[in-house]
Protein backbone atom coordinates (compact mmCIF):
# COMPACT_ATOMS: atom_id res chain seq x y z
CA LEU A 1 71.97 83.27 88.39
CA ILE A 2 75.44 84.75 87.95
CA MET A 3 77.20 85.58 91.22
CA SER A 4 80.04 87.97 91.89
CA ILE A 5 83.17 86.14 93.02
CA LEU A 6 86.65 87.09 94.12
CA LEU A 7 89.02 86.74 91.16
CA ILE A 8 92.67 86.09 91.97
CA GLU A 9 95.05 85.85 89.03
CA ARG A 10 98.76 85.37 88.63
CA MET A 11 100.60 85.93 85.39
CA ASP A 12 101.49 82.63 83.71
CA GLU A 13 105.10 83.76 83.45
CA ASN A 14 107.27 85.50 85.99
CA LEU A 15 107.34 88.95 84.41
CA THR A 16 107.82 90.91 87.61
CA GLU A 17 111.20 92.43 88.36
CA SER A 18 112.41 93.76 91.69
CA LYS A 19 114.79 96.72 91.70
CA ILE A 20 116.67 98.75 94.26
CA ILE A 21 117.18 102.29 92.96
CA GLU A 22 119.51 104.80 94.59
CA GLU A 23 118.43 108.44 94.37
CA GLY A 24 120.94 110.57 96.22
CA ASN A 25 121.15 109.21 99.75
CA GLU A 26 117.83 107.41 99.47
CA LYS A 27 117.12 103.91 98.25
CA LYS A 28 113.82 103.12 96.57
CA TYR A 29 112.58 99.57 96.33
CA VAL A 30 110.32 98.96 93.35
CA ILE A 31 108.64 96.10 91.52
CA GLU A 32 107.55 96.34 87.92
CA GLY A 33 106.29 94.06 85.20
CA GLY A 34 103.07 92.51 83.94
CA PHE A 35 100.27 93.08 86.43
CA LEU A 36 97.17 92.35 84.31
CA GLN A 37 96.49 90.35 81.18
CA SER A 38 93.53 90.13 78.79
CA ASN A 39 92.30 88.11 75.79
CA LEU A 40 94.08 84.92 76.89
CA LYS A 41 92.76 81.98 78.87
CA ASN A 42 94.71 82.02 82.12
CA GLY A 43 95.69 79.24 84.48
CA ASN A 44 92.27 79.34 86.14
CA GLY A 45 90.56 78.89 82.78
CA ARG A 46 89.19 82.43 82.69
CA ILE A 47 89.32 84.91 79.84
CA TYR A 48 89.31 88.66 80.45
CA PRO A 49 88.09 90.41 77.28
CA GLU A 50 90.30 93.35 76.40
CA GLN A 51 87.51 95.92 76.60
CA VAL A 52 86.34 94.61 79.97
CA MET A 53 89.90 94.81 81.33
CA ASP A 54 90.52 98.27 79.84
CA ASN A 55 87.31 99.66 81.33
CA ALA A 56 88.18 98.27 84.76
CA VAL A 57 91.71 99.69 84.61
CA ASN A 58 90.35 103.11 83.64
CA VAL A 59 87.93 103.07 86.59
CA TYR A 60 90.71 101.98 88.94
CA THR A 61 93.10 104.60 87.58
CA ASN A 62 90.64 107.47 87.96
CA ARG A 63 89.49 106.42 91.41
CA TYR A 64 92.73 105.28 92.98
CA LEU A 65 95.90 105.75 90.94
CA VAL A 66 95.57 109.46 90.16
CA ASN A 67 94.52 110.13 93.76
CA ASN A 68 97.51 108.38 95.33
CA ARG A 69 95.27 105.66 96.77
CA ALA A 70 96.46 102.71 94.66
CA VAL A 71 98.03 100.19 97.02
CA GLY A 72 98.53 96.47 97.40
CA GLU A 73 99.16 94.03 100.21
CA LEU A 74 101.78 91.48 101.14
CA GLU A 75 100.00 88.24 100.19
CA HIS A 76 96.25 87.93 99.67
CA PRO A 77 93.70 88.30 102.48
CA TYR A 78 93.33 85.38 104.85
CA GLU A 79 90.02 83.60 105.21
CA GLY A 80 87.59 85.29 107.57
CA ARG A 81 89.31 88.67 107.65
CA PRO A 82 86.75 91.27 108.80
CA GLU A 83 87.53 93.55 105.86
CA GLY A 84 86.84 90.72 103.42
CA GLN A 85 88.44 91.12 100.02
CA GLY A 86 89.05 94.87 100.22
CA ILE A 87 92.29 96.65 101.05
CA TRP A 88 93.38 96.28 104.67
CA LEU A 89 95.68 99.18 105.55
CA PRO A 90 97.70 97.34 108.25
CA ASN A 91 98.85 94.89 105.57
CA VAL A 92 99.69 97.40 102.82
CA SER A 93 103.21 96.85 101.52
CA HIS A 94 103.45 98.98 98.38
CA LYS A 95 102.01 101.89 96.43
CA ILE A 96 101.21 101.40 92.76
CA THR A 97 102.60 104.31 90.76
CA LYS A 98 102.06 103.32 87.14
CA LEU A 99 99.82 101.21 84.91
CA GLU A 100 100.53 101.35 81.18
CA LYS A 101 99.03 99.26 78.42
CA ASN A 102 101.36 97.16 76.28
CA GLY A 103 99.49 95.14 73.67
CA THR A 104 96.77 93.37 75.62
CA ASP A 105 98.74 93.45 78.88
CA TRP A 106 98.97 96.15 81.54
CA ILE A 107 102.50 96.80 82.79
CA GLY A 108 102.70 98.16 86.31
CA ARG A 109 105.20 99.68 88.66
CA ALA A 110 104.98 99.87 92.45
CA GLU A 111 107.15 101.41 95.13
CA ILE A 112 107.58 99.51 98.38
CA CYS A 113 106.38 101.36 101.50
CA LYS A 114 109.52 100.95 103.58
CA ASP A 115 107.94 102.29 106.77
CA THR A 116 104.96 99.94 106.99
CA SER A 117 105.40 96.60 108.71
CA SER A 118 104.54 94.61 105.58
CA GLY A 119 106.65 96.89 103.39
CA ALA A 120 109.64 96.41 105.69
CA ILE A 121 109.30 92.66 105.25
CA VAL A 122 109.33 93.06 101.46
CA VAL A 123 112.42 95.30 101.67
CA GLY A 124 114.19 92.69 103.78
CA LEU A 125 113.33 89.98 101.27
CA MET A 126 114.51 92.10 98.36
CA LYS A 127 117.80 92.86 100.11
CA ALA A 128 118.27 89.12 100.54
CA GLY A 129 117.68 88.59 96.83
CA VAL A 130 114.39 86.71 97.23
CA THR A 131 112.35 86.56 94.01
CA LEU A 132 108.83 87.86 94.50
CA GLY A 133 105.83 87.95 92.21
CA THR A 134 102.58 89.84 91.87
CA SER A 135 99.00 88.67 91.78
CA SER A 136 95.93 90.74 90.98
CA ARG A 137 92.73 90.73 93.05
CA ALA A 138 89.34 91.73 91.71
CA SER A 139 85.62 90.96 91.87
CA GLY A 140 83.19 90.11 89.12
CA SER A 141 81.06 87.45 87.55
CA VAL A 142 82.08 84.78 85.07
CA LYS A 143 79.89 83.22 82.36
CA ASN A 144 81.19 80.37 80.21
CA SER A 145 84.73 81.12 81.45
CA ILE A 146 84.46 84.75 80.26
CA VAL A 147 84.70 87.55 82.83
CA GLN A 148 81.72 89.89 82.57
CA ASN A 149 81.27 93.67 82.51
CA ASP A 150 80.84 93.92 86.29
CA PHE A 151 84.57 93.19 86.67
CA ARG A 152 86.15 95.59 89.19
CA ILE A 153 89.80 95.71 90.26
CA ILE A 154 90.53 95.67 94.00
CA THR A 155 94.27 95.86 93.40
CA PRO A 156 96.29 95.02 90.29
CA SER A 157 99.15 93.88 92.48
CA ASP A 158 99.43 92.04 95.75
CA ILE A 159 102.99 90.86 96.41
CA VAL A 160 103.11 87.08 96.61
CA TYR A 161 105.74 84.41 97.10
CA GLU A 162 104.94 82.21 94.12
CA PRO A 163 104.88 84.32 90.94
CA SER A 164 104.32 81.57 88.41
CA ALA A 165 103.84 78.17 90.04
CA PRO A 166 101.57 78.26 93.13
CA ASP A 167 102.25 75.56 95.68
CA ALA A 168 99.80 72.71 96.25
CA ILE A 169 97.90 74.40 99.07
CA LEU A 170 97.37 77.66 97.21
CA THR A 171 96.58 75.86 93.97
CA SER A 172 93.85 73.97 95.78
CA ILE A 173 92.35 77.20 97.08
CA MET A 174 92.52 78.95 93.74
CA GLU A 175 91.31 76.12 91.50
CA ASN A 176 88.72 74.37 93.65
CA LYS A 177 87.18 77.21 95.62
CA GLU A 178 85.96 80.71 94.96
CA TRP A 179 84.87 83.56 97.18
CA ILE A 180 81.27 84.69 96.81
CA ILE A 181 79.63 87.88 98.04
CA GLU A 182 76.25 86.95 99.48
CA GLY A 183 74.25 89.59 101.32
CA GLY A 184 77.34 91.74 101.63
CA VAL A 185 79.27 88.93 103.34
CA LEU A 186 82.31 87.27 101.74
CA ILE A 187 82.15 83.49 102.03
CA GLU A 188 84.12 80.61 100.53
CA ARG A 189 82.31 78.02 98.41
CA ASP A 190 83.36 74.95 96.42
CA LEU A 191 83.33 75.50 92.67
CA GLU A 192 81.32 72.30 92.20
CA GLU A 193 78.63 73.63 94.52
CA ILE A 194 78.56 76.95 92.68
CA GLN A 195 78.22 75.22 89.31
CA LYS A 196 75.34 73.07 90.58
CA GLN A 197 73.49 76.16 91.77
CA VAL A 198 74.10 78.02 88.50
CA ASN A 199 72.85 75.05 86.48
CA THR A 200 69.65 74.73 88.51
CA ASP A 201 68.72 78.45 88.61
């Protein structure tokens, strides 16, 4: 039995850059850099094959990016949120405007939504010179540490505080627990428990 889980990934290096761009009398706040990475074992021990990643990006682009529906949130969803792992509009902080392939990486650009509550927080942090990072969120199954063809991107970029070195609490959540979709409900399970069930099925 291979179950679909919530996949949260941060780039191993801080490749995201925050910029304030002046266009006439208007200031635009943008982040850009590496959003997605394939063919390398990441910090969670997972490998995203290039073709699997490319297919998922193409689906995401056609469904969301070209239709001006590609957005991300300020931090990842909290446990027990009614909307589960999907996009929650009250927490949207930025609109993703570009995803371009560079080698086996996907370089992204996002514009901060200054008039949303979460976007205003990001703007305030950027004005203060706070370094921010991005973290992708997706769903899919993993077999022998390799992400499978059911991989689907929820957002290539949530804005997070720790771009390259998650703190102890978040590391514990990311490395020792996963989110599983069972009967349409998102629940949190220990990785050890998941592995035991996989090995006995």
